[in-house]
PDB file of N, CA and C in Angstrom:
ATOM      1  N   UNK A   1      96.056 142.529 118.457  1.00  0.00           N
ATOM      2  CA  UNK A   1      94.661 142.329 117.952  1.00  0.00           C
ATOM      3  C   UNK A   1      94.589 141.852 116.561  1.00  0.00           C
ATOM      4  N   UNK A   2      95.503 142.304 115.725  1.00  0.00           N
ATOM      5  CA  UNK A   2      95.520 141.861 114.354  1.00  0.00           C
ATOM      6  C   UNK A   2      96.016 140.389 114.170  1.00  0.00           C
ATOM      7  N   UNK A   3      97.075 139.971 115.101  1.00  0.00           N
ATOM      8  CA  UNK A   3      97.621 138.711 115.115  1.00  0.00           C
ATOM      9  C   UNK A   3      96.556 137.576 115.635  1.00  0.00           C
ATOM     10  N   UNK A   4      95.788 138.015 116.667  1.00  0.00           N
ATOM     11  CA  UNK A   4      94.785 137.092 117.088  1.00  0.00           C
ATOM     12  C   UNK A   4      93.718 136.784 116.069  1.00  0.00           C
ATOM     13  N   UNK A   5      93.367 137.870 115.334  1.00  0.00           N
ATOM     14  CA  UNK A   5      92.329 137.801 114.341  1.00  0.00           C
ATOM     15  C   UNK A   5      92.870 136.857 113.150  1.00  0.00           C
ATOM     16  N   UNK A   6      93.986 137.052 112.852  1.00  0.00           N
ATOM     17  CA  UNK A   6      94.654 136.319 111.751  1.00  0.00           C
ATOM     18  C   UNK A   6      94.738 134.768 112.217  1.00  0.00           C
ATOM     19  N   UNK A   7      95.017 134.490 113.480  1.00  0.00           N
ATOM     20  CA  UNK A   7      95.157 133.093 113.890  1.00  0.00           C
ATOM     21  C   UNK A   7      93.712 132.525 113.984  1.00  0.00           C
ATOM     22  N   UNK A   8      92.658 133.343 114.221  1.00  0.00           N
ATOM     23  CA  UNK A   8      91.382 132.833 114.330  1.00  0.00           C
ATOM     24  C   UNK A   8      90.947 132.423 112.776  1.00  0.00           C
ATOM     25  N   UNK A   9      91.117 133.418 111.966  1.00  0.00           N
ATOM     26  CA  UNK A   9      90.871 133.080 110.517  1.00  0.00           C
ATOM     27  C   UNK A   9      91.570 131.903 109.893  1.00  0.00           C
ATOM     28  N   UNK A  10      92.812 131.815 110.173  1.00  0.00           N
ATOM     29  CA  UNK A  10      93.584 130.588 109.709  1.00  0.00           C
ATOM     30  C   UNK A  10      93.084 129.350 110.411  1.00  0.00           C
ATOM     31  N   UNK A  11      92.756 129.437 111.512  1.00  0.00           N
ATOM     32  CA  UNK A  11      92.361 128.131 112.257  1.00  0.00           C
ATOM     33  C   UNK A  11      90.944 127.756 111.675  1.00  0.00           C
ATOM     34  N   UNK A  12      90.023 128.724 111.315  1.00  0.00           N
ATOM     35  CA  UNK A  12      88.731 128.263 110.825  1.00  0.00           C
ATOM     36  C   UNK A  12      88.938 127.818 109.386  1.00  0.00           C
ATOM     37  N   UNK A  13      89.780 128.457 108.568  1.00  0.00           N
ATOM     38  CA  UNK A  13      90.052 128.011 107.329  1.00  0.00           C
ATOM     39  C   UNK A  13      90.637 126.688 107.250  1.00  0.00           C
ATOM     40  N   UNK A  14      91.536 126.338 108.179  1.00  0.00           N
ATOM     41  CA  UNK A  14      92.115 125.017 108.305  1.00  0.00           C
ATOM     42  C   UNK A  14      91.103 124.019 108.622  1.00  0.00           C
ATOM     43  N   UNK A  15      90.258 124.354 109.488  1.00  0.00           N
ATOM     44  CA  UNK A  15      89.169 123.385 109.889  1.00  0.00           C
ATOM     45  C   UNK A  15      88.150 123.082 108.753  1.00  0.00           C
ATOM     46  N   UNK A  16      87.931 124.055 107.993  1.00  0.00           N
ATOM     47  CA  UNK A  16      86.992 123.835 106.812  1.00  0.00           C
ATOM     48  C   UNK A  16      87.625 123.081 105.770  1.00  0.00           C
ATOM     49  N   UNK A  17      88.935 123.267 105.514  1.00  0.00           N
ATOM     50  CA  UNK A  17      89.759 122.453 104.635  1.00  0.00           C
ATOM     51  C   UNK A  17      89.839 121.037 105.068  1.00  0.00           C
ATOM     52  N   UNK A  18      90.066 120.772 106.313  1.00  0.00           N
ATOM     53  CA  UNK A  18      90.253 119.393 106.911  1.00  0.00           C
ATOM     54  C   UNK A  18      88.891 118.732 106.795  1.00  0.00           C
ATOM     55  N   UNK A  19      87.748 119.514 107.050  1.00  0.00           N
ATOM     56  CA  UNK A  19      86.426 118.882 106.958  1.00  0.00           C
ATOM     57  C   UNK A  19      86.120 118.370 105.499  1.00  0.00           C
ATOM     58  N   UNK A  20      86.440 119.391 104.590  1.00  0.00           N
ATOM     59  CA  UNK A  20      86.128 119.094 103.196  1.00  0.00           C
ATOM     60  C   UNK A  20      87.042 117.931 102.668  1.00  0.00           C
ATOM     61  N   UNK A  21      88.151 117.709 103.177  1.00  0.00           N
ATOM     62  CA  UNK A  21      89.065 116.530 102.669  1.00  0.00           C
ATOM     63  C   UNK A  21      88.419 115.234 103.177  1.00  0.00           C
ATOM     64  N   UNK A  22      87.837 115.138 104.311  1.00  0.00           N
ATOM     65  CA  UNK A  22      87.165 113.984 104.802  1.00  0.00           C
ATOM     66  C   UNK A  22      85.897 113.822 103.953  1.00  0.00           C
ATOM     67  N   UNK A  23      85.065 114.843 103.647  1.00  0.00           N
ATOM     68  CA  UNK A  23      83.852 114.716 102.947  1.00  0.00           C
ATOM     69  C   UNK A  23      84.275 114.075 101.434  1.00  0.00           C
ATOM     70  N   UNK A  24      85.266 114.809 100.911  1.00  0.00           N
ATOM     71  CA  UNK A  24      85.744 114.177  99.565  1.00  0.00           C
ATOM     72  C   UNK A  24      86.200 112.776  99.613  1.00  0.00           C
ATOM     73  N   UNK A  25      86.896 112.459 100.628  1.00  0.00           N
ATOM     74  CA  UNK A  25      87.327 111.042 100.713  1.00  0.00           C
ATOM     75  C   UNK A  25      86.113 110.048 100.948  1.00  0.00           C
ATOM     76  N   UNK A  26      85.063 110.502 101.702  1.00  0.00           N
ATOM     77  CA  UNK A  26      83.872 109.682 101.883  1.00  0.00           C
ATOM     78  C   UNK A  26      83.185 109.477 100.522  1.00  0.00           C
ATOM     79  N   UNK A  27      83.167 110.434  99.679  1.00  0.00           N
ATOM     80  CA  UNK A  27      82.510 110.328  98.407  1.00  0.00           C
ATOM     81  C   UNK A  27      83.273 109.573  97.429  1.00  0.00           C
ATOM     82  N   UNK A  28      84.656 109.583  97.493  1.00  0.00           N
ATOM     83  CA  UNK A  28      85.427 108.978  96.500  1.00  0.00           C
ATOM     84  C   UNK A  28      85.571 107.541  96.806  1.00  0.00           C
ATOM     85  N   UNK A  29      85.745 107.166  98.120  1.00  0.00           N
ATOM     86  CA  UNK A  29      86.022 105.750  98.519  1.00  0.00           C
ATOM     87  C   UNK A  29      84.692 105.362  99.105  1.00  0.00           C
ATOM     88  N   UNK A  30      84.066 104.387  98.374  1.00  0.00           N
ATOM     89  CA  UNK A  30      82.853 103.861  98.766  1.00  0.00           C
ATOM     90  C   UNK A  30      83.070 102.738  99.952  1.00  0.00           C
ATOM     91  N   UNK A  31      82.309 102.746 100.907  1.00  0.00           N
ATOM     92  CA  UNK A  31      82.305 101.818 102.034  1.00  0.00           C
ATOM     93  C   UNK A  31      81.901 100.464 101.595  1.00  0.00           C
ATOM     94  N   UNK A  32      80.888 100.342 100.877  1.00  0.00           N
ATOM     95  CA  UNK A  32      80.204  99.079 100.426  1.00  0.00           C
ATOM     96  C   UNK A  32      80.502  98.764  99.057  1.00  0.00           C
ATOM     97  N   UNK A  33      81.200  97.782  98.672  1.00  0.00           N
ATOM     98  CA  UNK A  33      81.568  97.483  97.358  1.00  0.00           C
ATOM     99  C   UNK A  33      80.661  96.292  96.892  1.00  0.00           C
ATOM    100  N   UNK A  34      80.158  96.531  95.734  1.00  0.00           N
ATOM    101  CA  UNK A  34      79.290  95.544  95.169  1.00  0.00           C
ATOM    102  C   UNK A  34      80.151  94.600  94.214  1.00  0.00           C
ATOM    103  N   UNK A  35      80.041  93.274  94.663  1.00  0.00           N
ATOM    104  CA  UNK A  35      80.855  92.427  93.919  1.00  0.00           C
ATOM    105  C   UNK A  35      80.026  91.802  92.717  1.00  0.00           C
ATOM    106  N   UNK A  36      80.471  91.760  91.613  1.00  0.00           N
ATOM    107  CA  UNK A  36      79.747  91.146  90.440  1.00  0.00           C
ATOM    108  C   UNK A  36      80.591  89.888  90.106  1.00  0.00           C
ATOM    109  N   UNK A  37      79.805  88.809  90.239  1.00  0.00           N
ATOM    110  CA  UNK A  37      80.451  87.611  89.849  1.00  0.00           C
ATOM    111  C   UNK A  37      80.151  87.177  88.433  1.00  0.00           C
ATOM    112  N   UNK A  38      81.236  86.762  87.660  1.00  0.00           N
ATOM    113  CA  UNK A  38      81.008  86.312  86.411  1.00  0.00           C
ATOM    114  C   UNK A  38      80.703  84.842  86.382  1.00  0.00           C
ATOM    115  N   UNK A  39      79.763  84.503  85.425  1.00  0.00           N
ATOM    116  CA  UNK A  39      79.396  83.142  85.264  1.00  0.00           C
ATOM    117  C   UNK A  39      80.205  82.728  84.103  1.00  0.00           C
ATOM    118  N   UNK A  40      80.888  81.636  84.233  1.00  0.00           N
ATOM    119  CA  UNK A  40      81.764  81.057  83.199  1.00  0.00           C
ATOM    120  C   UNK A  40      80.961  80.211  82.209  1.00  0.00           C
ATOM    121  N   UNK A  41      81.144  80.455  81.004  1.00  0.00           N
ATOM    122  CA  UNK A  41      80.281  79.718  79.968  1.00  0.00           C
ATOM    123  C   UNK A  41      81.234  78.477  79.710  1.00  0.00           C
ATOM    124  N   UNK A  42      80.523  77.401  79.374  1.00  0.00           N
ATOM    125  CA  UNK A  42      81.111  76.170  79.091  1.00  0.00           C
ATOM    126  C   UNK A  42      81.854  76.339  77.651  1.00  0.00           C
ATOM    127  N   UNK A  43      82.998  75.844  77.500  1.00  0.00           N
ATOM    128  CA  UNK A  43      83.722  75.857  76.184  1.00  0.00           C
ATOM    129  C   UNK A  43      82.965  75.060  75.134  1.00  0.00           C
ATOM    130  N   UNK A  44      82.810  75.673  73.952  1.00  0.00           N
ATOM    131  CA  UNK A  44      81.977  74.989  72.984  1.00  0.00           C
ATOM    132  C   UNK A  44      82.912  74.295  71.938  1.00  0.00           C
ATOM    133  N   UNK A  45      83.811  74.998  71.502  1.00  0.00           N
ATOM    134  CA  UNK A  45      84.766  74.477  70.462  1.00  0.00           C
ATOM    135  C   UNK A  45      86.058  73.771  70.988  1.00  0.00           C
ATOM    136  N   UNK A  46      86.709  73.081  70.286  1.00  0.00           N
ATOM    137  CA  UNK A  46      87.938  72.436  70.808  1.00  0.00           C
ATOM    138  C   UNK A  46      88.973  73.543  71.082  1.00  0.00           C
ATOM    139  N   UNK A  47      89.079  74.506  70.439  1.00  0.00           N
ATOM    140  CA  UNK A  47      90.019  75.620  70.669  1.00  0.00           C
ATOM    141  C   UNK A  47      89.617  76.215  72.038  1.00  0.00           C
ATOM    142  N   UNK A  48      88.468  76.460  72.272  1.00  0.00           N
ATOM    143  CA  UNK A  48      87.891  77.061  73.542  1.00  0.00           C
ATOM    144  C   UNK A  48      88.309  76.107  74.609  1.00  0.00           C
ATOM    145  N   UNK A  49      88.083  74.775  74.451  1.00  0.00           N
ATOM    146  CA  UNK A  49      88.397  73.804  75.505  1.00  0.00           C
ATOM    147  C   UNK A  49      89.854  73.887  76.000  1.00  0.00           C
ATOM    148  N   UNK A  50      90.711  73.869  74.915  1.00  0.00           N
ATOM    149  CA  UNK A  50      92.173  73.934  75.085  1.00  0.00           C
ATOM    150  C   UNK A  50      92.567  75.272  75.728  1.00  0.00           C
ATOM    151  N   UNK A  51      91.961  76.284  75.452  1.00  0.00           N
ATOM    152  CA  UNK A  51      92.256  77.589  76.019  1.00  0.00           C
ATOM    153  C   UNK A  51      91.780  77.553  77.503  1.00  0.00           C
ATOM    154  N   UNK A  52      90.675  77.017  77.728  1.00  0.00           N
ATOM    155  CA  UNK A  52      90.175  77.043  79.116  1.00  0.00           C
ATOM    156  C   UNK A  52      91.056  76.117  80.094  1.00  0.00           C
ATOM    157  N   UNK A  53      91.471  75.127  79.538  1.00  0.00           N
ATOM    158  CA  UNK A  53      92.303  74.182  80.273  1.00  0.00           C
ATOM    159  C   UNK A  53      93.726  74.822  80.544  1.00  0.00           C
ATOM    160  N   UNK A  54      94.237  75.596  79.616  1.00  0.00           N
ATOM    161  CA  UNK A  54      95.481  76.311  79.868  1.00  0.00           C
ATOM    162  C   UNK A  54      95.233  77.350  80.885  1.00  0.00           C
ATOM    163  N   UNK A  55      94.205  77.988  80.830  1.00  0.00           N
ATOM    164  CA  UNK A  55      93.980  79.105  81.816  1.00  0.00           C
ATOM    165  C   UNK A  55      93.761  78.562  83.295  1.00  0.00           C
ATOM    166  N   UNK A  56      93.129  77.373  83.448  1.00  0.00           N
ATOM    167  CA  UNK A  56      92.878  76.895  84.842  1.00  0.00           C
ATOM    168  C   UNK A  56      94.115  76.045  85.429  1.00  0.00           C
ATOM    169  N   UNK A  57      95.216  75.924  84.621  1.00  0.00           N
ATOM    170  CA  UNK A  57      96.257  75.133  85.271  1.00  0.00           C
ATOM    171  C   UNK A  57      97.021  76.111  86.219  1.00  0.00           C
TER     172      UNK A  57
END
């Protein structure tokens, strides 16, 4: 009787831990990612132009 009760308690506890794991994963890992696009500013000075050309190569 004691063994059956222990198995039942451990099974329920395992189910609760398993469910909490998936709930935490759902909160941590978002399904929808918002992408933020940067607008590039045009280079103003000669140094910025050279730097921009070096980055785009």
